[in-house]
Protein backbone atom coordinates (compact mmCIF):
# COMPACT_ATOMS: atom_id res chain seq x y z
CA MET A 1 11.96 -27.85 44.54
CA SER A 2 10.84 -26.97 41.12
CA SER A 3 7.36 -26.50 40.81
CA SER A 4 7.03 -27.83 37.13
CA ASP A 5 9.17 -30.85 37.47
CA ASP A 6 11.52 -32.91 39.74
CA THR A 7 14.45 -31.03 38.37
CA VAL A 8 16.60 -30.12 41.40
CA ARG A 9 18.14 -26.48 40.62
CA LEU A 10 21.71 -25.88 41.87
CA LEU A 11 23.39 -22.71 42.51
CA LEU A 12 27.26 -22.69 43.00
CA VAL A 13 29.32 -20.50 45.68
CA ASP A 14 32.64 -20.94 45.76
CA ASP A 15 35.97 -18.25 45.95
CA HIS A 16 37.32 -21.19 43.16
CA ALA A 17 36.39 -20.59 39.55
CA LEU A 18 37.81 -24.28 38.58
CA PHE A 19 36.67 -25.46 41.46
CA ARG A 20 32.94 -24.14 40.43
CA PHE A 21 33.66 -24.93 36.72
CA CYS A 22 34.68 -28.87 37.22
CA ILE A 23 31.80 -29.30 39.94
CA GLY A 24 29.15 -27.88 38.06
CA ALA A 25 30.12 -29.35 34.39
CA TRP A 26 29.59 -32.78 36.71
CA LEU A 27 26.48 -31.87 38.27
CA SER A 28 25.21 -30.23 34.70
CA SER A 29 25.42 -34.27 33.76
CA VAL A 30 23.25 -35.52 36.52
CA GLU A 31 19.98 -36.83 36.03
CA ASN A 32 17.15 -34.13 37.46
CA MET A 33 19.78 -31.60 38.25
CA THR A 34 20.56 -28.23 36.82
CA VAL A 35 23.27 -25.27 37.80
CA VAL A 36 21.18 -22.05 37.83
CA GLY A 37 24.00 -20.09 38.78
CA GLU A 38 27.27 -19.80 40.82
CA ALA A 39 29.10 -16.58 42.81
CA ALA A 40 31.99 -16.51 44.51
CA ASP A 41 31.75 -14.27 47.57
CA VAL A 42 28.92 -13.40 49.98
CA ALA A 43 27.22 -10.44 48.02
CA GLY A 44 27.08 -12.04 45.16
CA ALA A 45 26.16 -15.33 46.51
CA ILE A 46 23.05 -13.38 48.28
CA ALA A 47 22.28 -11.46 44.71
CA ALA A 48 22.54 -14.96 42.65
CA VAL A 49 20.15 -16.69 45.09
CA ASP A 50 17.32 -13.32 44.95
CA GLU A 51 17.87 -13.69 41.30
CA HIS A 52 17.68 -17.45 40.93
CA ARG A 53 15.49 -18.73 43.62
CA PRO A 54 17.21 -22.01 43.45
CA ASP A 55 16.56 -25.58 45.52
CA ILE A 56 19.88 -25.72 46.71
CA VAL A 57 22.53 -23.83 46.88
CA VAL A 58 26.32 -25.68 47.58
CA MET A 59 27.87 -23.73 49.98
CA ASP A 60 32.23 -23.45 50.26
CA LEU A 61 33.10 -21.66 53.75
CA GLY A 62 36.15 -20.02 53.07
CA LEU A 63 35.17 -17.20 50.81
CA GLY A 64 38.65 -14.48 50.67
CA GLU A 65 37.44 -11.68 53.73
CA CYS A 66 34.05 -13.04 54.41
CA SER A 67 33.04 -16.17 55.34
CA GLY A 68 29.95 -18.49 53.87
CA VAL A 69 28.38 -18.80 56.69
CA ASP A 70 27.74 -15.12 56.97
CA ALA A 71 25.69 -16.09 53.82
CA ILE A 72 24.33 -19.29 54.78
CA ARG A 73 22.59 -17.24 57.49
CA GLN A 74 21.70 -14.18 55.57
CA ILE A 75 20.15 -16.61 52.84
CA CYS A 76 18.13 -18.75 55.55
CA SER A 77 16.77 -15.52 56.33
CA ARG A 78 15.47 -14.36 53.47
CA HIS A 79 14.96 -17.53 52.34
CA PRO A 80 13.86 -20.21 54.41
CA ASP A 81 12.61 -22.54 52.16
CA ILE A 82 15.95 -22.86 49.90
CA GLY A 83 18.27 -26.10 51.30
CA ILE A 84 22.02 -25.16 52.12
CA LEU A 85 24.65 -27.87 51.80
CA VAL A 86 27.99 -26.92 52.78
CA LEU A 87 30.95 -28.29 50.85
CA THR A 88 34.21 -27.59 52.66
CA MET A 89 37.49 -28.90 52.95
CA PHE A 90 37.32 -27.69 56.42
CA GLU A 91 37.17 -30.41 58.95
CA GLU A 92 36.73 -28.15 62.16
CA ASP A 93 33.90 -28.61 65.20
CA LYS A 94 33.22 -24.46 65.41
CA LEU A 95 32.76 -24.53 61.33
CA PHE A 96 30.32 -27.10 61.44
CA ILE A 97 28.10 -25.95 64.53
CA ASP A 98 28.27 -22.04 63.01
CA SER A 99 26.89 -23.96 59.78
CA VAL A 100 24.38 -25.70 61.52
CA LYS A 101 23.00 -22.89 63.44
CA ALA A 102 23.15 -20.36 60.55
CA GLY A 103 20.89 -22.89 58.82
CA ALA A 104 22.83 -25.47 56.50
CA ARG A 105 20.39 -28.81 56.05
CA GLY A 106 24.19 -30.47 54.48
CA PHE A 107 27.53 -30.53 55.43
CA LEU A 108 29.97 -32.31 53.25
CA LEU A 109 33.92 -32.67 52.72
CA LYS A 110 35.09 -31.62 49.18
CA ASP A 111 36.95 -34.93 49.05
CA THR A 112 33.15 -36.95 49.14
CA GLY A 113 32.33 -39.25 45.87
CA PRO A 114 30.07 -38.22 42.95
CA ALA A 115 27.23 -40.85 44.36
CA ALA A 116 27.49 -39.60 47.83
CA MET A 117 26.86 -36.02 46.61
CA GLU A 118 24.32 -36.69 44.45
CA ARG A 119 22.23 -38.75 47.51
CA ALA A 120 23.33 -35.93 49.66
CA LEU A 121 21.69 -33.17 47.36
CA HIS A 122 18.45 -35.06 46.95
CA ALA A 123 18.33 -35.74 51.07
CA VAL A 124 18.59 -31.86 51.20
CA ALA A 125 16.21 -31.21 48.00
CA ASN A 126 13.50 -33.00 50.41
CA GLY A 127 14.09 -31.60 53.13
CA GLU A 128 16.15 -33.73 55.00
CA ILE A 129 18.96 -33.41 57.04
CA LEU A 130 22.98 -35.05 56.34
CA ILE A 131 25.95 -34.64 57.31
CA ASP A 132 29.15 -36.63 56.31
CA GLN A 133 29.57 -40.06 58.00
CA ARG A 134 33.25 -38.57 58.66
CA ILE A 135 31.57 -35.61 60.73
CA ALA A 136 28.44 -37.58 62.41
CA PRO A 137 30.64 -38.41 65.26
CA LEU A 138 31.32 -34.60 65.83
CA ALA A 139 28.00 -33.69 65.42
CA ALA A 140 26.03 -36.00 67.37
CA ARG A 141 28.91 -35.50 70.18
CA LEU A 142 28.82 -31.82 70.52
CA LEU A 143 24.88 -31.34 69.70
CA THR A 144 24.37 -33.50 72.76
CA GLY A 145 27.23 -32.11 74.54
CA ARG A 146 29.10 -28.74 74.88
CA TYR A 147 26.37 -27.08 71.76
CA ALA A 148 23.45 -28.34 73.71
CA GLN A 149 23.94 -26.58 77.10
CA GLU A 150 23.99 -23.56 75.57
CA ARG A 151 20.76 -23.34 75.02
CA ALA A 152 17.55 -25.56 74.41
CA PHE A 153 16.65 -27.06 70.71
CA PRO A 154 20.34 -26.47 69.67
CA GLU A 155 18.56 -28.10 66.40
CA LEU A 156 17.23 -24.49 65.40
CA THR A 157 18.97 -21.91 63.43
CA ASP A 158 19.36 -18.75 65.03
CA ARG A 159 16.35 -17.35 63.14
CA GLU A 160 13.97 -20.04 63.69
CA TYR A 161 15.19 -19.92 67.95
CA GLU A 162 14.14 -15.99 67.51
CA VAL A 163 10.45 -17.33 66.28
CA LEU A 164 10.05 -19.80 68.57
CA GLU A 165 10.87 -17.17 71.68
CA LEU A 166 8.20 -14.41 70.28
CA MET A 167 5.99 -17.58 69.84
CA ALA A 168 6.19 -18.74 72.76
CA GLU A 169 5.85 -14.70 74.29
CA GLY A 170 2.19 -15.35 72.66
CA LEU A 171 3.07 -13.31 69.64
CA ASP A 172 1.16 -14.89 66.36
CA ASN A 173 2.39 -15.02 62.76
CA GLY A 174 1.52 -10.89 61.93
CA MET A 175 3.21 -9.60 64.58
CA ILE A 176 6.03 -12.30 64.87
CA ALA A 177 6.39 -10.82 61.16
CA ARG A 178 6.52 -6.98 61.80
CA GLN A 179 8.79 -7.42 64.85
CA LEU A 180 11.30 -9.15 62.74
CA ALA A 181 10.66 -7.13 59.31
CA CYS A 182 9.95 -9.80 57.43
CA SER A 183 6.15 -11.47 55.60
CA ASP A 184 3.99 -13.59 56.84
CA LYS A 185 4.81 -16.43 54.59
CA THR A 186 8.16 -16.47 55.75
CA ILE A 187 7.12 -17.27 58.97
CA ARG A 188 5.10 -19.80 58.87
CA HIS A 189 8.31 -21.36 56.79
CA HIS A 190 9.80 -21.19 59.67
CA SER A 191 7.15 -22.66 62.04
CA MET A 192 6.86 -25.46 59.64
CA HIS A 193 10.79 -26.27 60.22
CA ILE A 194 10.38 -25.77 63.73
CA ARG A 195 7.69 -28.51 64.17
CA THR A 196 9.63 -30.98 62.19
CA LYS A 197 12.92 -30.45 63.57
CA LEU A 198 11.77 -30.80 66.83
CA GLY A 199 8.90 -33.78 66.38
CA ILE A 200 6.03 -31.45 67.22
CA GLU A 201 2.68 -31.57 65.33
CA THR A 202 0.67 -28.34 65.95
CA ARG A 203 1.45 -24.83 66.55
CA SER A 204 -0.46 -25.31 70.32
CA GLN A 205 2.29 -28.17 71.49
CA LEU A 206 5.38 -26.54 70.23
CA ILE A 207 4.32 -23.20 72.57
CA VAL A 208 3.98 -25.62 75.67
CA HIS A 209 7.05 -27.13 74.83
CA ALA A 210 8.98 -24.19 74.69
CA ARG A 211 7.53 -22.76 77.26
CA ASN A 212 8.47 -26.16 79.69
CA ALA A 213 12.12 -25.18 78.70
CA GLY A 214 11.79 -21.92 79.76
CA LEU A 215 11.29 -19.72 76.51
CA GLY A 216 8.98 -16.85 76.51
CA HIS A 217 7.09 -14.69 79.09
CA PRO A 218 3.53 -15.07 77.90
CA HIS A 219 1.56 -11.67 78.53
């Protein structure tokens, strides 16, 4: 959230200009929220995030030839502290799972009411994970069923899982950062998010937990 006050800074990504205009006008009228930018495609989204550094990106998944999931993955890799709230008309299990894997913290359908949308934005700004109640049963089924069987810790994004694997191998933050071509600060953010999602307090406990789950080949 903005360091100067409690205002939540938002960036809108949707390929429909009228929708961006309408939701942007409404969000600009909501107390403690401001729209700092918008984009219509993946490339524009990445550039806008780099420029404006919003607290939250409100992301559509249908962005012309590219998927919003691609944008989510790139944004979370570059700026893991930025929250992504998916706002889509597609109620499909694969899109939900792909969004969560890419790093989205929230998933809402476009017919969500203003009050629920406002609550979701505040939740994501506070680091919480919020799923539309119509998707929640699907989410629970997928995260504890088919998807959970694919790998350990399905609640982690692909990059978080990669960081955890390297931690389990015994690499420190600097070594992980060099291997993944990012900064130490980014790795610290990933580590914090991993511990929060898994409910683990310390790095040493996290490493033991990961190794018990079969991750890493410590040197």
